[in-house]
Amino acid sequence: MSAPRKEIVNRKAKFEYHFVQEFEAGISLLGTEVKAIREGNANLTGAYCLIVGSQIIVKSMYIGDYKHGNIYNHDHRRDRVLLLRKSEIKKIERRINEKGMTLVPYRMYFTDRGFIKVVVVLAQGKKEFDKRETMKERDSKRELDRIKKITNK
């Protein structure tokens, strides 16, 4: 039996944005960054993506220090390049130029082969009333689950 897969999720993104389309991308990392992610020492909250030239760069993604690293440890919030096909980058760039669209890193995980993949989402920001609606739906679902749990006993 293999060890459970590490998965880092930006839970706040689902609350802040309407997801339009997902893209799976590789990411260019240093050795100590990969080891720190394997330990679960990473966070996507507050991270965002920019298109610079013909590359998509993730900014403000936190990857903590590797415990056994030495002077060659990485910067915590350095810019990291996403690895996507040119056609996907052009498609994303066209959509971002539309009103209100943005690119948000949503999930980071290890594949079966040991590669780290980042799921970036083309998203549109929610308004305040949309956020309240999301909270109401979540609360009502939680209440229904409680009722089901009580009746099943």
N, C-alpha and C. Protein backbone atom coordinates (compact mmCIF):
# COMPACT_ATOMS: atom_id res chain seq x y z
N MET A 1 0.85 -1.19 0.00
CA MET A 1 0.00 0.00 0.00
C MET A 1 0.88 1.24 0.00
N SER A 2 0.60 2.16 -0.91
CA SER A 2 1.42 3.37 -1.02
C SER A 2 0.95 4.44 -0.03
N ALA A 3 1.82 5.39 0.19
CA ALA A 3 1.50 6.49 1.11
C ALA A 3 0.42 7.37 0.49
N PRO A 4 -0.39 8.04 1.30
CA PRO A 4 -1.42 8.91 0.74
C PRO A 4 -0.80 10.07 -0.04
N ARG A 5 -1.43 10.44 -1.12
CA ARG A 5 -0.93 11.50 -1.98
C ARG A 5 -1.11 12.87 -1.31
N LYS A 6 -0.07 13.69 -1.39
CA LYS A 6 -0.17 15.05 -0.88
C LYS A 6 -0.93 15.89 -1.90
N GLU A 7 -1.88 16.66 -1.42
CA GLU A 7 -2.64 17.54 -2.29
C GLU A 7 -2.86 18.86 -1.55
N ILE A 8 -2.46 19.94 -2.17
CA ILE A 8 -2.63 21.26 -1.58
C ILE A 8 -3.73 21.96 -2.36
N VAL A 9 -4.77 22.43 -1.67
CA VAL A 9 -5.92 23.04 -2.32
C VAL A 9 -6.12 24.46 -1.80
N ASN A 10 -6.43 25.36 -2.72
CA ASN A 10 -6.77 26.73 -2.37
C ASN A 10 -8.28 26.80 -2.17
N ARG A 11 -8.73 26.51 -0.96
CA ARG A 11 -10.16 26.44 -0.68
C ARG A 11 -10.84 27.80 -0.79
N LYS A 12 -10.09 28.84 -0.54
CA LYS A 12 -10.65 30.18 -0.59
C LYS A 12 -11.05 30.58 -2.02
N ALA A 13 -10.39 30.00 -3.01
CA ALA A 13 -10.65 30.35 -4.41
C ALA A 13 -12.08 30.01 -4.81
N LYS A 14 -12.59 28.88 -4.34
CA LYS A 14 -13.95 28.47 -4.71
C LYS A 14 -14.98 29.45 -4.13
N PHE A 15 -14.65 30.07 -3.02
CA PHE A 15 -15.55 31.04 -2.39
C PHE A 15 -15.47 32.39 -3.10
N GLU A 16 -14.29 32.76 -3.59
CA GLU A 16 -14.07 34.08 -4.19
C GLU A 16 -14.42 34.15 -5.67
N TYR A 17 -14.41 33.01 -6.39
CA TYR A 17 -14.54 33.04 -7.85
C TYR A 17 -15.54 32.02 -8.36
N HIS A 18 -16.13 32.31 -9.54
CA HIS A 18 -16.89 31.34 -10.33
C HIS A 18 -15.88 30.69 -11.27
N PHE A 19 -15.75 29.37 -11.21
CA PHE A 19 -14.80 28.68 -12.07
C PHE A 19 -15.40 28.51 -13.47
N VAL A 20 -14.63 28.88 -14.49
CA VAL A 20 -15.08 28.78 -15.87
C VAL A 20 -14.44 27.59 -16.57
N GLN A 21 -13.10 27.48 -16.46
CA GLN A 21 -12.39 26.41 -17.15
C GLN A 21 -11.13 26.06 -16.38
N GLU A 22 -10.79 24.77 -16.36
CA GLU A 22 -9.59 24.29 -15.66
C GLU A 22 -8.51 23.91 -16.66
N PHE A 23 -7.25 24.14 -16.26
CA PHE A 23 -6.10 23.71 -17.04
C PHE A 23 -5.13 23.02 -16.10
N GLU A 24 -4.56 21.90 -16.55
CA GLU A 24 -3.56 21.20 -15.76
C GLU A 24 -2.19 21.56 -16.31
N ALA A 25 -1.31 22.04 -15.44
CA ALA A 25 0.01 22.50 -15.88
C ALA A 25 1.09 21.89 -15.01
N GLY A 26 2.25 21.70 -15.61
CA GLY A 26 3.43 21.35 -14.84
C GLY A 26 3.98 22.63 -14.22
N ILE A 27 4.96 22.49 -13.35
CA ILE A 27 5.53 23.68 -12.73
C ILE A 27 7.03 23.47 -12.59
N SER A 28 7.78 24.52 -12.82
CA SER A 28 9.23 24.47 -12.75
C SER A 28 9.65 24.79 -11.31
N LEU A 29 10.25 23.79 -10.64
CA LEU A 29 10.62 23.93 -9.23
C LEU A 29 12.07 23.55 -9.00
N LEU A 30 12.61 23.99 -7.87
CA LEU A 30 13.93 23.57 -7.42
C LEU A 30 13.78 22.30 -6.57
N GLY A 31 14.89 21.61 -6.34
CA GLY A 31 14.86 20.36 -5.58
C GLY A 31 14.32 20.51 -4.18
N THR A 32 14.75 21.56 -3.46
CA THR A 32 14.28 21.74 -2.09
C THR A 32 12.79 22.08 -2.06
N GLU A 33 12.29 22.72 -3.12
CA GLU A 33 10.86 23.03 -3.18
C GLU A 33 10.04 21.75 -3.32
N VAL A 34 10.49 20.83 -4.16
CA VAL A 34 9.78 19.56 -4.34
C VAL A 34 9.73 18.79 -3.02
N LYS A 35 10.85 18.76 -2.31
CA LYS A 35 10.91 18.04 -1.04
C LYS A 35 10.01 18.70 0.01
N ALA A 36 9.94 20.03 0.01
CA ALA A 36 9.08 20.73 0.96
C ALA A 36 7.61 20.46 0.65
N ILE A 37 7.26 20.41 -0.63
CA ILE A 37 5.87 20.11 -1.01
C ILE A 37 5.52 18.68 -0.63
N ARG A 38 6.47 17.77 -0.79
CA ARG A 38 6.24 16.37 -0.42
C ARG A 38 5.94 16.27 1.08
N GLU A 39 6.54 17.16 1.88
CA GLU A 39 6.26 17.20 3.32
C GLU A 39 4.95 17.91 3.62
N GLY A 40 4.33 18.52 2.61
CA GLY A 40 3.07 19.24 2.81
C GLY A 40 3.27 20.67 3.25
N ASN A 41 4.45 21.19 3.03
CA ASN A 41 4.80 22.54 3.50
C ASN A 41 4.63 23.55 2.38
N ALA A 42 3.38 23.70 1.89
CA ALA A 42 3.09 24.65 0.82
C ALA A 42 1.68 25.20 1.00
N ASN A 43 1.42 26.35 0.37
CA ASN A 43 0.13 27.00 0.51
C ASN A 43 -0.16 27.81 -0.75
N LEU A 44 -1.36 27.66 -1.30
CA LEU A 44 -1.76 28.38 -2.51
C LEU A 44 -2.61 29.61 -2.21
N THR A 45 -2.97 29.84 -0.97
CA THR A 45 -3.81 30.97 -0.62
C THR A 45 -3.10 32.27 -0.95
N GLY A 46 -3.76 33.11 -1.69
CA GLY A 46 -3.19 34.40 -2.07
C GLY A 46 -2.34 34.35 -3.33
N ALA A 47 -2.15 33.17 -3.91
CA ALA A 47 -1.35 33.05 -5.12
C ALA A 47 -2.18 33.46 -6.33
N TYR A 48 -1.52 33.98 -7.35
CA TYR A 48 -2.19 34.39 -8.58
C TYR A 48 -1.24 34.20 -9.74
N CYS A 49 -1.79 34.22 -10.96
CA CYS A 49 -0.99 33.98 -12.17
C CYS A 49 -0.99 35.21 -13.05
N LEU A 50 0.15 35.43 -13.71
CA LEU A 50 0.31 36.51 -14.67
C LEU A 50 0.89 35.93 -15.95
N ILE A 51 0.51 36.54 -17.08
CA ILE A 51 1.11 36.15 -18.35
C ILE A 51 2.19 37.17 -18.65
N VAL A 52 3.44 36.70 -18.75
CA VAL A 52 4.58 37.56 -19.05
C VAL A 52 5.23 37.01 -20.31
N GLY A 53 5.10 37.76 -21.39
CA GLY A 53 5.62 37.29 -22.66
C GLY A 53 4.83 36.08 -23.11
N SER A 54 5.52 34.95 -23.28
CA SER A 54 4.84 33.71 -23.69
C SER A 54 4.84 32.69 -22.56
N GLN A 55 4.95 33.17 -21.31
CA GLN A 55 4.95 32.28 -20.15
C GLN A 55 3.89 32.70 -19.16
N ILE A 56 3.40 31.72 -18.41
CA ILE A 56 2.50 32.00 -17.30
C ILE A 56 3.30 31.80 -16.02
N ILE A 57 3.28 32.82 -15.17
CA ILE A 57 4.07 32.81 -13.94
C ILE A 57 3.13 32.84 -12.74
N VAL A 58 3.41 31.98 -11.76
CA VAL A 58 2.66 31.98 -10.51
C VAL A 58 3.40 32.87 -9.52
N LYS A 59 2.70 33.83 -8.99
CA LYS A 59 3.29 34.75 -8.02
C LYS A 59 2.68 34.50 -6.65
N SER A 60 3.46 34.73 -5.63
CA SER A 60 3.01 34.70 -4.24
C SER A 60 2.55 33.32 -3.77
N MET A 61 3.02 32.24 -4.40
CA MET A 61 2.73 30.90 -3.91
C MET A 61 3.78 30.57 -2.85
N TYR A 62 3.32 30.17 -1.67
CA TYR A 62 4.23 29.91 -0.56
C TYR A 62 4.67 28.45 -0.55
N ILE A 63 5.98 28.25 -0.55
CA ILE A 63 6.55 26.92 -0.32
C ILE A 63 7.60 27.10 0.76
N GLY A 64 7.38 26.48 1.92
CA GLY A 64 8.25 26.65 3.08
C GLY A 64 9.60 26.00 2.90
N ASP A 65 10.46 26.18 3.89
CA ASP A 65 11.80 25.61 3.86
C ASP A 65 11.74 24.09 3.96
N TYR A 66 12.69 23.45 3.31
CA TYR A 66 12.89 22.01 3.48
C TYR A 66 13.71 21.84 4.75
N LYS A 67 13.24 21.00 5.67
CA LYS A 67 13.87 20.87 6.98
C LYS A 67 15.35 20.53 6.90
N HIS A 68 15.71 19.63 5.99
CA HIS A 68 17.09 19.16 5.91
C HIS A 68 17.91 19.92 4.88
N GLY A 69 17.34 21.04 4.38
CA GLY A 69 18.07 21.86 3.41
C GLY A 69 19.16 22.64 4.12
N ASN A 70 20.09 23.14 3.34
CA ASN A 70 21.18 23.93 3.92
C ASN A 70 21.15 25.33 3.32
N ILE A 71 22.28 25.89 3.00
CA ILE A 71 22.32 27.25 2.46
C ILE A 71 21.67 27.33 1.08
N TYR A 72 21.40 26.20 0.45
CA TYR A 72 20.81 26.21 -0.89
C TYR A 72 19.29 26.16 -0.87
N ASN A 73 18.67 26.43 0.28
CA ASN A 73 17.21 26.48 0.34
C ASN A 73 16.71 27.61 -0.56
N HIS A 74 15.46 27.50 -0.96
CA HIS A 74 14.85 28.43 -1.91
C HIS A 74 14.19 29.61 -1.20
N ASP A 75 13.82 30.64 -1.98
CA ASP A 75 13.00 31.74 -1.47
C ASP A 75 11.57 31.23 -1.33
N HIS A 76 10.89 31.65 -0.26
CA HIS A 76 9.54 31.15 0.02
C HIS A 76 8.53 31.54 -1.04
N ARG A 77 8.54 32.77 -1.49
CA ARG A 77 7.50 33.27 -2.40
C ARG A 77 8.07 33.73 -3.75
N ARG A 78 9.05 33.01 -4.27
CA ARG A 78 9.62 33.40 -5.56
C ARG A 78 8.64 33.11 -6.69
N ASP A 79 8.85 33.75 -7.85
CA ASP A 79 8.01 33.51 -9.01
C ASP A 79 8.36 32.15 -9.61
N ARG A 80 7.31 31.40 -9.98
CA ARG A 80 7.52 30.06 -10.55
C ARG A 80 6.80 29.97 -11.89
N VAL A 81 7.45 29.34 -12.86
CA VAL A 81 6.92 29.26 -14.22
C VAL A 81 6.05 28.01 -14.36
N LEU A 82 4.85 28.20 -14.96
CA LEU A 82 3.98 27.08 -15.27
C LEU A 82 4.33 26.54 -16.65
N LEU A 83 4.23 25.24 -16.82
CA LEU A 83 4.58 24.59 -18.07
C LEU A 83 3.30 24.18 -18.80
N LEU A 84 2.94 24.97 -19.81
CA LEU A 84 1.75 24.72 -20.63
C LEU A 84 2.12 24.79 -22.10
N ARG A 85 1.29 24.23 -22.96
CA ARG A 85 1.50 24.34 -24.40
C ARG A 85 1.20 25.77 -24.85
N LYS A 86 1.85 26.20 -25.93
CA LYS A 86 1.64 27.55 -26.44
C LYS A 86 0.19 27.80 -26.81
N SER A 87 -0.46 26.78 -27.38
CA SER A 87 -1.86 26.95 -27.78
C SER A 87 -2.74 27.19 -26.55
N GLU A 88 -2.45 26.50 -25.43
CA GLU A 88 -3.22 26.71 -24.20
C GLU A 88 -2.95 28.10 -23.64
N ILE A 89 -1.70 28.55 -23.70
CA ILE A 89 -1.37 29.89 -23.19
C ILE A 89 -2.09 30.96 -24.00
N LYS A 90 -2.13 30.80 -25.32
CA LYS A 90 -2.84 31.77 -26.17
C LYS A 90 -4.33 31.78 -25.87
N LYS A 91 -4.90 30.59 -25.66
CA LYS A 91 -6.33 30.50 -25.33
C LYS A 91 -6.62 31.20 -24.00
N ILE A 92 -5.76 30.96 -23.01
CA ILE A 92 -5.92 31.60 -21.70
C ILE A 92 -5.78 33.11 -21.83
N GLU A 93 -4.79 33.55 -22.60
CA GLU A 93 -4.56 34.99 -22.77
C GLU A 93 -5.77 35.68 -23.40
N ARG A 94 -6.37 35.03 -24.40
CA ARG A 94 -7.58 35.61 -25.03
C ARG A 94 -8.71 35.73 -24.02
N ARG A 95 -8.90 34.70 -23.20
CA ARG A 95 -9.99 34.72 -22.22
C ARG A 95 -9.75 35.73 -21.11
N ILE A 96 -8.49 35.89 -20.70
CA ILE A 96 -8.18 36.84 -19.63
C ILE A 96 -8.45 38.28 -20.08
N ASN A 97 -8.26 38.54 -21.35
CA ASN A 97 -8.52 39.89 -21.86
C ASN A 97 -9.99 40.24 -21.85
N GLU A 98 -10.86 39.24 -21.66
CA GLU A 98 -12.28 39.51 -21.48
C GLU A 98 -12.48 40.17 -20.12
N LYS A 99 -13.60 40.83 -19.98
CA LYS A 99 -13.87 41.57 -18.75
C LYS A 99 -14.02 40.64 -17.54
N GLY A 100 -13.26 40.91 -16.50
CA GLY A 100 -13.44 40.23 -15.22
C GLY A 100 -12.84 38.85 -15.09
N MET A 101 -12.10 38.37 -16.07
CA MET A 101 -11.52 37.03 -15.99
C MET A 101 -10.12 37.09 -15.38
N THR A 102 -9.78 36.05 -14.64
CA THR A 102 -8.46 35.96 -14.03
C THR A 102 -8.03 34.49 -14.01
N LEU A 103 -6.76 34.27 -13.75
CA LEU A 103 -6.22 32.92 -13.69
C LEU A 103 -5.74 32.66 -12.27
N VAL A 104 -6.30 31.62 -11.63
CA VAL A 104 -6.03 31.35 -10.22
C VAL A 104 -5.51 29.92 -10.05
N PRO A 105 -4.38 29.73 -9.36
CA PRO A 105 -3.95 28.36 -9.05
C PRO A 105 -4.88 27.78 -7.98
N TYR A 106 -5.50 26.63 -8.29
CA TYR A 106 -6.50 26.08 -7.38
C TYR A 106 -6.01 24.86 -6.61
N ARG A 107 -5.24 23.99 -7.28
CA ARG A 107 -4.87 22.73 -6.64
C ARG A 107 -3.49 22.32 -7.11
N MET A 108 -2.70 21.73 -6.21
CA MET A 108 -1.38 21.22 -6.54
C MET A 108 -1.29 19.80 -6.00
N TYR A 109 -0.80 18.87 -6.84
CA TYR A 109 -0.77 17.47 -6.42
C TYR A 109 0.35 16.73 -7.13
N PHE A 110 0.66 15.53 -6.64
CA PHE A 110 1.65 14.65 -7.25
C PHE A 110 0.94 13.66 -8.15
N THR A 111 1.50 13.40 -9.35
CA THR A 111 0.95 12.38 -10.24
C THR A 111 1.49 11.02 -9.80
N ASP A 112 1.03 9.99 -10.44
CA ASP A 112 1.50 8.64 -10.13
C ASP A 112 2.99 8.49 -10.44
N ARG A 113 3.47 9.26 -11.41
CA ARG A 113 4.88 9.19 -11.79
C ARG A 113 5.76 10.08 -10.92
N GLY A 114 5.17 10.84 -9.99
CA GLY A 114 5.94 11.66 -9.08
C GLY A 114 6.11 13.10 -9.52
N PHE A 115 5.46 13.50 -10.62
CA PHE A 115 5.54 14.89 -11.06
C PHE A 115 4.54 15.73 -10.28
N ILE A 116 4.87 17.00 -10.11
CA ILE A 116 3.94 17.92 -9.45
C ILE A 116 3.15 18.65 -10.53
N LYS A 117 1.84 18.62 -10.41
CA LYS A 117 0.96 19.30 -11.35
C LYS A 117 0.18 20.37 -10.58
N VAL A 118 -0.11 21.46 -11.27
CA VAL A 118 -0.91 22.55 -10.71
C VAL A 118 -2.14 22.71 -11.58
N VAL A 119 -3.31 22.69 -10.96
CA VAL A 119 -4.55 22.95 -11.68
C VAL A 119 -4.82 24.45 -11.54
N VAL A 120 -4.74 25.15 -12.68
CA VAL A 120 -5.06 26.58 -12.69
C VAL A 120 -6.45 26.73 -13.29
N VAL A 121 -7.20 27.68 -12.76
CA VAL A 121 -8.59 27.84 -13.15
C VAL A 121 -8.80 29.22 -13.73
N LEU A 122 -9.42 29.26 -14.89
CA LEU A 122 -9.87 30.51 -15.47
C LEU A 122 -11.14 30.86 -14.73
N ALA A 123 -11.16 31.98 -14.05
CA ALA A 123 -12.26 32.28 -13.14
C ALA A 123 -12.74 33.72 -13.28
N GLN A 124 -13.95 33.94 -12.80
CA GLN A 124 -14.54 35.26 -12.78
C GLN A 124 -14.91 35.57 -11.34
N GLY A 125 -14.57 36.76 -10.87
CA GLY A 125 -14.80 37.13 -9.48
C GLY A 125 -16.27 37.15 -9.12
N LYS A 126 -16.58 36.70 -7.91
CA LYS A 126 -17.96 36.72 -7.42
C LYS A 126 -18.26 38.09 -6.82
N LYS A 127 -19.50 38.46 -6.90
CA LYS A 127 -19.98 39.67 -6.24
C LYS A 127 -20.33 39.31 -4.79
N GLU A 128 -20.61 40.32 -3.99
CA GLU A 128 -20.90 40.10 -2.57
C GLU A 128 -22.15 39.23 -2.39
N PHE A 129 -23.20 39.46 -3.20
CA PHE A 129 -24.41 38.66 -3.04
C PHE A 129 -24.19 37.22 -3.46
N ASP A 130 -23.27 36.98 -4.41
CA ASP A 130 -22.94 35.60 -4.79
C ASP A 130 -22.27 34.87 -3.63
N LYS A 131 -21.42 35.58 -2.92
CA LYS A 131 -20.73 34.97 -1.78
C LYS A 131 -21.73 34.61 -0.68
N ARG A 132 -22.70 35.51 -0.45
CA ARG A 132 -23.72 35.22 0.56
C ARG A 132 -24.55 34.00 0.14
N GLU A 133 -24.85 33.89 -1.15
CA GLU A 133 -25.61 32.75 -1.65
C GLU A 133 -24.83 31.45 -1.45
N THR A 134 -23.52 31.48 -1.68
CA THR A 134 -22.67 30.31 -1.47
C THR A 134 -22.71 29.89 0.00
N MET A 135 -22.65 30.88 0.90
CA MET A 135 -22.69 30.57 2.33
C MET A 135 -24.03 29.96 2.72
N LYS A 136 -25.14 30.47 2.16
CA LYS A 136 -26.47 29.92 2.46
C LYS A 136 -26.57 28.48 1.99
N GLU A 137 -26.09 28.19 0.78
CA GLU A 137 -26.14 26.83 0.26
C GLU A 137 -25.33 25.88 1.12
N ARG A 138 -24.15 26.33 1.55
CA ARG A 138 -23.29 25.49 2.38
C ARG A 138 -23.96 25.20 3.72
N ASP A 139 -24.57 26.23 4.32
CA ASP A 139 -25.24 26.05 5.61
C ASP A 139 -26.44 25.11 5.49
N SER A 140 -27.23 25.27 4.43
CA SER A 140 -28.41 24.40 4.27
C SER A 140 -27.99 22.95 4.01
N LYS A 141 -26.92 22.74 3.25
CA LYS A 141 -26.41 21.39 3.01
C LYS A 141 -25.94 20.76 4.31
N ARG A 142 -25.25 21.54 5.13
CA ARG A 142 -24.76 21.04 6.42
C ARG A 142 -25.94 20.66 7.32
N GLU A 143 -27.00 21.49 7.32
CA GLU A 143 -28.18 21.21 8.13
C GLU A 143 -28.88 19.93 7.66
N LEU A 144 -28.99 19.73 6.36
CA LEU A 144 -29.60 18.51 5.83
C LEU A 144 -28.79 17.28 6.20
N ASP A 145 -27.48 17.39 6.14
CA ASP A 145 -26.63 16.27 6.54
C ASP A 145 -26.81 15.94 8.02
N ARG A 146 -26.97 16.94 8.86
CA ARG A 146 -27.22 16.70 10.29
C ARG A 146 -28.54 15.96 10.49
N ILE A 147 -29.57 16.40 9.78
CA ILE A 147 -30.89 15.77 9.92
C ILE A 147 -30.83 14.32 9.46
N LYS A 148 -30.14 14.06 8.34
CA LYS A 148 -30.00 12.69 7.85
C LYS A 148 -29.26 11.82 8.84
N LYS A 149 -28.24 12.38 9.45
CA LYS A 149 -27.44 11.63 10.42
C LYS A 149 -28.28 11.26 11.65
N ILE A 150 -29.12 12.20 12.10
CA ILE A 150 -29.97 11.96 13.29
C ILE A 150 -31.03 10.91 12.96
N THR A 151 -31.64 10.99 11.78
CA THR A 151 -32.70 10.03 11.43
C THR A 151 -32.16 8.64 11.16
N ASN A 152 -30.90 8.49 10.78
CA ASN A 152 -30.33 7.18 10.50
C ASN A 152 -29.95 6.43 11.77
N LYS A 153 -29.90 7.07 12.91
CA LYS A 153 -29.52 6.40 14.16
C LYS A 153 -30.61 5.58 14.73
